[in-house]
Amino acid sequence: MQKNIFDTKDLGLLIKKARKKQGLTQADLAGISGLGTRFVGEVENGKSTAHIGKVIQLASSLGLVISVGCDWMED
């Protein structure tokens, strides 16, 4: 399934839903991803200044794939 993300709150909610669906706590996800529990909470709450590399690392730990597309982009 694909989900359009328009802001950091959308992304945070998606990460939170994926975490909960997998039965993980924020502490569990922090341990799996190698990131801090505080960071997980900040991302889930839509913090707009979160480091993009760490956000991608967090999403990848949940099996999420982040992709970007636009009308003019070619392969």
N, C-alpha and C. Protein backbone atom coordinates (compact mmCIF):
# COMPACT_ATOMS: atom_id res chain seq x y z
N MET A 1 0.84 -1.17 0.00
CA MET A 1 0.00 0.00 0.00
C MET A 1 0.89 1.24 0.00
N GLN A 2 0.46 2.25 -0.72
CA GLN A 2 1.18 3.52 -0.73
C GLN A 2 0.37 4.57 0.00
N LYS A 3 1.06 5.46 0.66
CA LYS A 3 0.43 6.55 1.41
C LYS A 3 1.14 7.84 1.07
N ASN A 4 0.38 8.83 0.69
CA ASN A 4 0.97 10.14 0.41
C ASN A 4 1.26 10.86 1.72
N ILE A 5 2.45 11.41 1.80
CA ILE A 5 2.90 12.14 2.99
C ILE A 5 3.09 13.60 2.58
N PHE A 6 2.40 14.49 3.28
CA PHE A 6 2.47 15.91 2.94
C PHE A 6 3.22 16.75 3.97
N ASP A 7 3.42 16.20 5.15
CA ASP A 7 4.17 16.93 6.17
C ASP A 7 4.70 15.96 7.22
N THR A 8 5.45 16.50 8.17
CA THR A 8 6.07 15.65 9.18
C THR A 8 5.06 14.98 10.10
N LYS A 9 3.92 15.60 10.28
CA LYS A 9 2.87 14.99 11.11
C LYS A 9 2.33 13.74 10.43
N ASP A 10 2.12 13.80 9.11
CA ASP A 10 1.67 12.62 8.36
C ASP A 10 2.67 11.48 8.50
N LEU A 11 3.95 11.80 8.34
CA LEU A 11 4.99 10.78 8.44
C LEU A 11 5.04 10.20 9.85
N GLY A 12 4.95 11.06 10.84
CA GLY A 12 4.96 10.60 12.22
C GLY A 12 3.82 9.66 12.53
N LEU A 13 2.63 10.00 12.05
CA LEU A 13 1.47 9.13 12.28
C LEU A 13 1.64 7.78 11.59
N LEU A 14 2.20 7.79 10.40
CA LEU A 14 2.43 6.54 9.68
C LEU A 14 3.43 5.65 10.43
N ILE A 15 4.49 6.24 10.92
CA ILE A 15 5.49 5.48 11.68
C ILE A 15 4.86 4.94 12.97
N LYS A 16 4.07 5.75 13.64
CA LYS A 16 3.41 5.32 14.87
C LYS A 16 2.46 4.15 14.61
N LYS A 17 1.67 4.24 13.53
CA LYS A 17 0.74 3.16 13.19
C LYS A 17 1.49 1.88 12.87
N ALA A 18 2.57 1.99 12.11
CA ALA A 18 3.37 0.81 11.76
C ALA A 18 3.97 0.18 13.01
N ARG A 19 4.46 1.00 13.92
CA ARG A 19 5.04 0.49 15.17
C ARG A 19 4.00 -0.25 15.99
N LYS A 20 2.84 0.36 16.15
CA LYS A 20 1.78 -0.25 16.96
C LYS A 20 1.25 -1.53 16.31
N LYS A 21 1.14 -1.53 14.98
CA LYS A 21 0.67 -2.72 14.27
C LYS A 21 1.61 -3.89 14.50
N GLN A 22 2.89 -3.60 14.68
CA GLN A 22 3.87 -4.65 14.92
C GLN A 22 4.00 -4.98 16.41
N GLY A 23 3.19 -4.32 17.23
CA GLY A 23 3.19 -4.60 18.66
C GLY A 23 4.43 -4.11 19.39
N LEU A 24 5.03 -3.06 18.88
CA LEU A 24 6.26 -2.53 19.47
C LEU A 24 5.98 -1.28 20.29
N THR A 25 6.74 -1.11 21.35
CA THR A 25 6.72 0.15 22.10
C THR A 25 7.74 1.09 21.46
N GLN A 26 7.71 2.33 21.87
CA GLN A 26 8.72 3.27 21.38
C GLN A 26 10.11 2.80 21.79
N ALA A 27 10.23 2.24 22.98
CA ALA A 27 11.52 1.74 23.45
C ALA A 27 11.98 0.56 22.60
N ASP A 28 11.05 -0.32 22.23
CA ASP A 28 11.39 -1.45 21.35
C ASP A 28 11.94 -0.94 20.02
N LEU A 29 11.23 0.01 19.42
CA LEU A 29 11.64 0.55 18.13
C LEU A 29 12.98 1.26 18.24
N ALA A 30 13.17 1.97 19.33
CA ALA A 30 14.46 2.64 19.54
C ALA A 30 15.59 1.61 19.57
N GLY A 31 15.38 0.51 20.26
CA GLY A 31 16.40 -0.53 20.33
C GLY A 31 16.67 -1.18 18.99
N ILE A 32 15.62 -1.46 18.24
CA ILE A 32 15.76 -2.10 16.93
C ILE A 32 16.49 -1.18 15.95
N SER A 33 16.15 0.09 16.00
CA SER A 33 16.70 1.05 15.03
C SER A 33 18.05 1.63 15.44
N GLY A 34 18.41 1.46 16.71
CA GLY A 34 19.66 2.04 17.20
C GLY A 34 19.54 3.53 17.48
N LEU A 35 18.32 4.00 17.63
CA LEU A 35 18.07 5.41 17.90
C LEU A 35 17.46 5.55 19.29
N GLY A 36 17.37 6.75 19.78
CA GLY A 36 16.86 6.98 21.12
C GLY A 36 15.33 6.98 21.20
N THR A 37 14.82 6.61 22.36
CA THR A 37 13.37 6.62 22.60
C THR A 37 12.81 8.03 22.43
N ARG A 38 13.53 9.01 22.90
CA ARG A 38 13.08 10.41 22.75
C ARG A 38 12.93 10.77 21.28
N PHE A 39 13.90 10.36 20.46
CA PHE A 39 13.85 10.65 19.02
C PHE A 39 12.62 9.99 18.40
N VAL A 40 12.34 8.75 18.76
CA VAL A 40 11.17 8.05 18.23
C VAL A 40 9.91 8.85 18.54
N GLY A 41 9.77 9.29 19.78
CA GLY A 41 8.61 10.08 20.18
C GLY A 41 8.51 11.39 19.43
N GLU A 42 9.64 12.04 19.24
CA GLU A 42 9.63 13.31 18.51
C GLU A 42 9.19 13.12 17.06
N VAL A 43 9.68 12.07 16.41
CA VAL A 43 9.28 11.80 15.03
C VAL A 43 7.79 11.47 14.97
N GLU A 44 7.33 10.63 15.87
CA GLU A 44 5.91 10.27 15.88
C GLU A 44 5.02 11.48 16.13
N ASN A 45 5.54 12.48 16.82
CA ASN A 45 4.78 13.70 17.08
C ASN A 45 4.97 14.75 15.99
N GLY A 46 5.68 14.40 14.93
CA GLY A 46 5.80 15.29 13.78
C GLY A 46 6.85 16.37 13.88
N LYS A 47 7.88 16.16 14.69
CA LYS A 47 8.94 17.17 14.81
C LYS A 47 9.52 17.47 13.43
N SER A 48 9.47 18.72 13.05
CA SER A 48 9.87 19.09 11.69
C SER A 48 11.37 19.23 11.50
N THR A 49 12.13 19.24 12.57
CA THR A 49 13.58 19.40 12.44
C THR A 49 14.34 18.10 12.65
N ALA A 50 13.65 16.97 12.62
CA ALA A 50 14.32 15.68 12.80
C ALA A 50 15.26 15.41 11.63
N HIS A 51 16.40 14.82 11.91
CA HIS A 51 17.41 14.49 10.91
C HIS A 51 16.85 13.46 9.93
N ILE A 52 16.80 13.80 8.64
CA ILE A 52 16.16 12.95 7.64
C ILE A 52 16.80 11.57 7.56
N GLY A 53 18.11 11.49 7.71
CA GLY A 53 18.78 10.19 7.67
C GLY A 53 18.31 9.28 8.79
N LYS A 54 18.12 9.84 9.97
CA LYS A 54 17.64 9.06 11.11
C LYS A 54 16.18 8.68 10.93
N VAL A 55 15.39 9.55 10.34
CA VAL A 55 13.98 9.24 10.07
C VAL A 55 13.89 8.07 9.10
N ILE A 56 14.72 8.08 8.06
CA ILE A 56 14.74 6.97 7.11
C ILE A 56 15.19 5.69 7.80
N GLN A 57 16.17 5.78 8.67
CA GLN A 57 16.64 4.63 9.44
C GLN A 57 15.50 4.06 10.30
N LEU A 58 14.76 4.93 10.93
CA LEU A 58 13.63 4.53 11.76
C LEU A 58 12.56 3.84 10.92
N ALA A 59 12.20 4.45 9.80
CA ALA A 59 11.19 3.86 8.91
C ALA A 59 11.65 2.51 8.39
N SER A 60 12.90 2.39 8.01
CA SER A 60 13.44 1.13 7.50
C SER A 60 13.37 0.03 8.55
N SER A 61 13.56 0.38 9.80
CA SER A 61 13.48 -0.59 10.89
C SER A 61 12.09 -1.20 11.01
N LEU A 62 11.09 -0.47 10.53
CA LEU A 62 9.71 -0.95 10.55
C LEU A 62 9.31 -1.61 9.22
N GLY A 63 10.24 -1.68 8.28
CA GLY A 63 9.94 -2.25 6.98
C GLY A 63 9.25 -1.28 6.04
N LEU A 64 9.28 0.00 6.37
CA LEU A 64 8.67 1.02 5.52
C LEU A 64 9.68 1.48 4.47
N VAL A 65 9.19 1.77 3.29
CA VAL A 65 10.01 2.29 2.21
C VAL A 65 9.55 3.71 1.92
N ILE A 66 10.47 4.63 1.87
CA ILE A 66 10.15 6.02 1.55
C ILE A 66 10.56 6.28 0.11
N SER A 67 9.62 6.75 -0.68
CA SER A 67 9.93 7.07 -2.08
C SER A 67 9.42 8.46 -2.40
N VAL A 68 10.01 9.05 -3.42
CA VAL A 68 9.64 10.39 -3.85
C VAL A 68 9.33 10.33 -5.33
N GLY A 69 8.28 10.99 -5.73
CA GLY A 69 7.93 11.01 -7.15
C GLY A 69 7.35 12.35 -7.54
N CYS A 70 7.38 12.60 -8.82
CA CYS A 70 6.77 13.81 -9.35
C CYS A 70 6.44 13.57 -10.82
N ASP A 71 5.62 14.43 -11.39
CA ASP A 71 5.17 14.26 -12.77
C ASP A 71 6.30 14.34 -13.79
N TRP A 72 7.30 15.14 -13.53
CA TRP A 72 8.36 15.36 -14.51
C TRP A 72 9.57 14.44 -14.35
N MET A 73 9.59 13.63 -13.29
CA MET A 73 10.74 12.78 -13.03
C MET A 73 10.73 11.55 -13.94
N GLU A 74 11.89 11.24 -14.50
CA GLU A 74 12.04 10.05 -15.33
C GLU A 74 12.91 9.04 -14.59
N ASP A 75 12.84 7.79 -15.02
CA ASP A 75 13.67 6.73 -14.41
C ASP A 75 15.13 6.95 -14.67
